[in-house]
Amino acid sequence: MRAIATRKQPVYTASGAVESGRYIDKNDRCEIGGITQNLLIPITYPAGGGTRQAYVRSLEGFIQG
């Protein structure tokens, strides 16, 4: 599913730890995957001229786009 971030939000590792210094910016266009066994949501987001993969805990703060 494609989504747009409506606010700045942190991203997490696969084990659920916050990735220090990394976040999704407001208005970033992201690709969201299915929920993992750890109840985290995989996400691909723009970062430094490319994309990066991480996880979010909730879809709050995203709209479909």
C-alpha atoms as a PDB file:
ATOM      1  CA  MET A   1       0.000   0.000   0.000  1.00  0.00           C
ATOM      2  CA  ARG A   2       1.273   3.477  -0.803  1.00  0.00           C
ATOM      3  CA  ALA A   3       0.899   6.157   1.845  1.00  0.00           C
ATOM      4  CA  ILE A   4       1.922   9.727   2.642  1.00  0.00           C
ATOM      5  CA  ALA A   5       3.192  10.693   6.100  1.00  0.00           C
ATOM      6  CA  THR A   6       1.132  13.446   7.723  1.00  0.00           C
ATOM      7  CA  ARG A   7       3.717  14.150  10.456  1.00  0.00           C
ATOM      8  CA  LYS A   8       7.341  13.413  11.348  1.00  0.00           C
ATOM      9  CA  GLN A   9       7.647  10.016  13.047  1.00  0.00           C
ATOM     10  CA  PRO A  10      10.340   7.644  14.293  1.00  0.00           C
ATOM     11  CA  VAL A  11      11.240   4.325  12.681  1.00  0.00           C
ATOM     12  CA  TYR A  12      12.197   1.054  14.383  1.00  0.00           C
ATOM     13  CA  THR A  13      14.423  -1.966  13.807  1.00  0.00           C
ATOM     14  CA  ALA A  14      12.965  -5.455  13.273  1.00  0.00           C
ATOM     15  CA  SER A  15      13.380  -6.097  17.011  1.00  0.00           C
ATOM     16  CA  GLY A  16      11.367  -2.972  17.898  1.00  0.00           C
ATOM     17  CA  ALA A  17      14.216  -0.650  18.975  1.00  0.00           C
ATOM     18  CA  VAL A  18      14.034   2.987  17.889  1.00  0.00           C
ATOM     19  CA  GLU A  19      16.542   3.770  15.116  1.00  0.00           C
ATOM     20  CA  SER A  20      18.341   6.768  16.592  1.00  0.00           C
ATOM     21  CA  GLY A  21      18.548   9.752  14.245  1.00  0.00           C
ATOM     22  CA  ARG A  22      16.256   8.229  11.622  1.00  0.00           C
ATOM     23  CA  TYR A  23      12.680   9.211  10.964  1.00  0.00           C
ATOM     24  CA  ILE A  24      10.027   9.657   8.313  1.00  0.00           C
ATOM     25  CA  ASP A  25       9.417  13.307   7.381  1.00  0.00           C
ATOM     26  CA  LYS A  26       6.017  14.861   6.914  1.00  0.00           C
ATOM     27  CA  ASN A  27       4.844  14.436   3.278  1.00  0.00           C
ATOM     28  CA  ASP A  28       7.240  11.522   2.561  1.00  0.00           C
ATOM     29  CA  ARG A  29       5.707   9.026   0.134  1.00  0.00           C
ATOM     30  CA  CYS A  30       6.105   5.533   1.563  1.00  0.00           C
ATOM     31  CA  GLU A  31       5.372   1.915   0.695  1.00  0.00           C
ATOM     32  CA  ILE A  32       3.791  -0.022   3.569  1.00  0.00           C
ATOM     33  CA  GLY A  33       3.897  -3.822   3.925  1.00  0.00           C
ATOM     34  CA  GLY A  34       1.979  -6.327   6.070  1.00  0.00           C
ATOM     35  CA  ILE A  35       2.201  -6.624   9.852  1.00  0.00           C
ATOM     36  CA  THR A  36       5.037  -8.817  11.193  1.00  0.00           C
ATOM     37  CA  GLN A  37       4.905 -11.360  14.030  1.00  0.00           C
ATOM     38  CA  ASN A  38       6.317  -8.618  16.325  1.00  0.00           C
ATOM     39  CA  LEU A  39       3.309  -6.434  15.435  1.00  0.00           C
ATOM     40  CA  LEU A  40       5.538  -4.012  13.542  1.00  0.00           C
ATOM     41  CA  ILE A  41       4.700  -2.671  10.090  1.00  0.00           C
ATOM     42  CA  PRO A  42       7.464  -2.751   7.453  1.00  0.00           C
ATOM     43  CA  ILE A  43       7.881   0.488   5.544  1.00  0.00           C
ATOM     44  CA  THR A  44      10.057   1.749   2.716  1.00  0.00           C
ATOM     45  CA  TYR A  45      10.627   5.498   2.851  1.00  0.00           C
ATOM     46  CA  PRO A  46      12.804   8.082   1.027  1.00  0.00           C
ATOM     47  CA  ALA A  47      16.239   8.731   2.555  1.00  0.00           C
ATOM     48  CA  GLY A  48      19.355  10.412   1.200  1.00  0.00           C
ATOM     49  CA  GLY A  49      18.656  10.197  -2.514  1.00  0.00           C
ATOM     50  CA  GLY A  50      17.325   6.653  -2.326  1.00  0.00           C
ATOM     51  CA  THR A  51      15.060   4.583  -0.119  1.00  0.00           C
ATOM     52  CA  ARG A  52      15.459   2.878   3.234  1.00  0.00           C
ATOM     53  CA  GLN A  53      13.552   0.037   4.876  1.00  0.00           C
ATOM     54  CA  ALA A  54      12.514   0.066   8.526  1.00  0.00           C
ATOM     55  CA  TYR A  55       9.401  -0.490  10.651  1.00  0.00           C
ATOM     56  CA  VAL A  56       6.686   1.630  12.263  1.00  0.00           C
ATOM     57  CA  ARG A  57       4.440   0.685  15.173  1.00  0.00           C
ATOM     58  CA  SER A  58       1.225   2.253  13.866  1.00  0.00           C
ATOM     59  CA  LEU A  59      -0.350   3.599  10.700  1.00  0.00           C
ATOM     60  CA  GLU A  60      -1.515   6.655  12.617  1.00  0.00           C
ATOM     61  CA  GLY A  61       0.123   9.585  10.884  1.00  0.00           C
ATOM     62  CA  PHE A  62      -0.298   8.207   7.354  1.00  0.00           C
ATOM     63  CA  ILE A  63      -2.947   8.714   4.707  1.00  0.00           C
ATOM     64  CA  GLN A  64      -3.446   6.561   1.643  1.00  0.00           C
ATOM     65  CA  GLY A  65      -1.737   8.053  -1.370  1.00  0.00           C
END
